[in-house]
């Protein structure tokens, strides 16, 4: 119980800090990582991106604990199920392969590729 409260307090504090600092970011627009960025990135940059996504998913999983939101309330439960058994390297390989097979679609966001090409097929 204390751990859950600790996670919630940490998440709430992080959200407040981010919300305070996002005013200027929103005005400039947050860049969306696309295949153009992805294909020009090093392996380490790609891994860091995927680990960041994984950490965000884990924070929400921990936040909700034994009371996870439904698929209609959050994409995280479905994303977690769809990525179960995957490693950052396996996801990176699948993203690399998708962009290699679809070079005319480099404007497609990386998260869209993850969702439609990895998560959705594994959660149908």
Protein backbone atom coordinates (compact mmCIF):
# COMPACT_ATOMS: atom_id res chain seq x y z
CA UNK A 1 0.00 0.00 0.00
CA UNK A 2 2.80 2.41 0.88
CA UNK A 3 4.58 1.61 -2.38
CA UNK A 4 1.46 2.39 -4.40
CA UNK A 5 1.04 5.71 -2.58
CA UNK A 6 4.70 6.46 -3.18
CA UNK A 7 4.33 5.79 -6.91
CA UNK A 8 1.18 7.93 -7.07
CA UNK A 9 2.86 10.78 -5.23
CA UNK A 10 5.89 10.56 -7.51
CA UNK A 11 3.71 10.47 -10.62
CA UNK A 12 1.59 13.39 -9.41
CA UNK A 13 4.71 15.45 -8.68
CA UNK A 14 6.19 14.60 -12.07
CA UNK A 15 2.96 15.56 -13.83
CA UNK A 16 2.86 18.90 -12.04
CA UNK A 17 6.47 19.65 -12.96
CA UNK A 18 5.87 18.65 -16.57
CA UNK A 19 2.61 20.59 -16.78
CA UNK A 20 4.38 23.70 -15.54
CA UNK A 21 7.12 23.36 -18.12
CA UNK A 22 5.02 22.26 -21.08
CA UNK A 23 3.44 25.63 -21.75
CA UNK A 24 6.39 26.76 -23.84
CA UNK A 25 6.84 23.31 -25.43
CA UNK A 26 3.21 23.19 -26.58
CA UNK A 27 3.54 26.60 -28.15
CA UNK A 28 6.45 25.36 -30.25
CA UNK A 29 4.96 21.92 -30.84
CA UNK A 30 6.31 18.61 -29.63
CA UNK A 31 8.16 16.78 -32.40
CA UNK A 32 6.75 13.40 -33.32
CA UNK A 33 9.41 10.78 -34.04
CA UNK A 34 8.84 9.48 -37.55
CA UNK A 35 10.55 6.93 -39.74
CA UNK A 36 12.70 9.71 -41.12
CA UNK A 37 14.12 10.31 -37.63
CA UNK A 38 14.22 6.60 -36.87
CA UNK A 39 16.19 5.58 -39.93
CA UNK A 40 18.79 8.28 -39.27
CA UNK A 41 19.20 7.32 -35.60
CA UNK A 42 21.91 5.14 -34.11
CA UNK A 43 21.08 1.82 -32.47
CA UNK A 44 21.68 3.42 -29.06
CA UNK A 45 19.29 6.29 -29.83
CA UNK A 46 16.63 3.83 -30.94
CA UNK A 47 17.08 1.76 -27.76
CA UNK A 48 16.88 4.89 -25.60
CA UNK A 49 13.63 5.90 -27.32
CA UNK A 50 12.10 2.46 -26.77
CA UNK A 51 13.29 2.29 -23.16
CA UNK A 52 11.67 5.68 -22.56
CA UNK A 53 8.37 4.40 -23.93
CA UNK A 54 8.71 1.26 -21.79
CA UNK A 55 9.39 3.32 -18.67
CA UNK A 56 6.29 5.44 -19.28
CA UNK A 57 4.19 2.29 -19.64
CA UNK A 58 5.65 0.87 -16.44
CA UNK A 59 4.90 4.05 -14.48
CA UNK A 60 1.23 3.83 -15.43
CA UNK A 61 1.07 0.10 -14.67
CA UNK A 62 2.55 0.75 -11.22
CA UNK A 63 0.30 3.76 -10.66
CA UNK A 64 -2.88 1.75 -11.17
CA UNK A 65 -1.62 -1.40 -9.44
CA UNK A 66 -4.41 -3.94 -9.02
CA UNK A 67 -7.02 -1.59 -10.54
CA UNK A 68 -5.84 -1.07 -14.12
CA UNK A 69 -8.00 1.03 -16.43
CA UNK A 70 -9.98 -0.69 -19.16
CA UNK A 71 -8.85 -0.67 -22.77
CA UNK A 72 -11.45 2.06 -23.38
CA UNK A 73 -9.90 4.28 -20.71
CA UNK A 74 -6.22 3.90 -21.59
CA UNK A 75 -4.05 2.43 -24.32
CA UNK A 76 -1.55 1.17 -21.73
CA UNK A 77 -3.19 -2.18 -20.83
CA UNK A 78 -3.43 -3.19 -24.48
CA UNK A 79 0.06 -1.87 -25.24
CA UNK A 80 1.45 -3.86 -22.31
CA UNK A 81 -0.24 -7.05 -23.53
CA UNK A 82 0.89 -6.45 -27.10
CA UNK A 83 4.51 -5.94 -26.10
CA UNK A 84 4.62 -8.85 -23.66
CA UNK A 85 7.50 -11.12 -24.58
CA UNK A 86 9.19 -8.45 -26.70
CA UNK A 87 12.55 -6.92 -25.88
CA UNK A 88 13.73 -3.46 -26.93
CA UNK A 89 15.94 -5.18 -29.50
CA UNK A 90 13.09 -7.24 -30.95
CA UNK A 91 10.83 -4.18 -31.20
CA UNK A 92 13.68 -2.18 -32.75
CA UNK A 93 14.22 -4.95 -35.29
CA UNK A 94 10.53 -5.01 -36.22
CA UNK A 95 10.43 -1.23 -36.62
CA UNK A 96 13.62 -1.29 -38.70
CA UNK A 97 12.16 -4.05 -40.90
CA UNK A 98 8.88 -2.19 -41.38
CA UNK A 99 10.57 1.03 -42.51
CA UNK A 100 12.96 -0.94 -44.74
CA UNK A 101 9.96 -2.60 -46.40
CA UNK A 102 8.07 0.71 -46.64
CA UNK A 103 10.64 3.39 -47.59
CA UNK A 104 7.95 5.64 -49.07
CA UNK A 105 6.23 5.84 -45.65
CA UNK A 106 9.01 7.42 -43.58
CA UNK A 107 6.61 10.15 -42.46
CA UNK A 108 4.65 7.58 -40.43
CA UNK A 109 5.23 8.03 -36.68
CA UNK A 110 7.24 5.32 -34.94
CA UNK A 111 4.59 4.86 -32.24
CA UNK A 112 1.98 4.29 -34.94
CA UNK A 113 4.18 1.53 -36.40
CA UNK A 114 4.59 -0.02 -32.94
CA UNK A 115 0.84 0.12 -32.32
CA UNK A 116 -0.46 -1.09 -35.69
CA UNK A 117 2.31 -3.52 -36.64
CA UNK A 118 3.23 -5.06 -33.26
CA UNK A 119 0.61 -4.38 -30.58
CA UNK A 120 -2.67 -4.72 -32.50
CA UNK A 121 -1.81 -8.02 -34.25
CA UNK A 122 -0.80 -9.58 -30.92
CA UNK A 123 -3.94 -8.41 -29.08
CA UNK A 124 -6.67 -9.36 -31.55
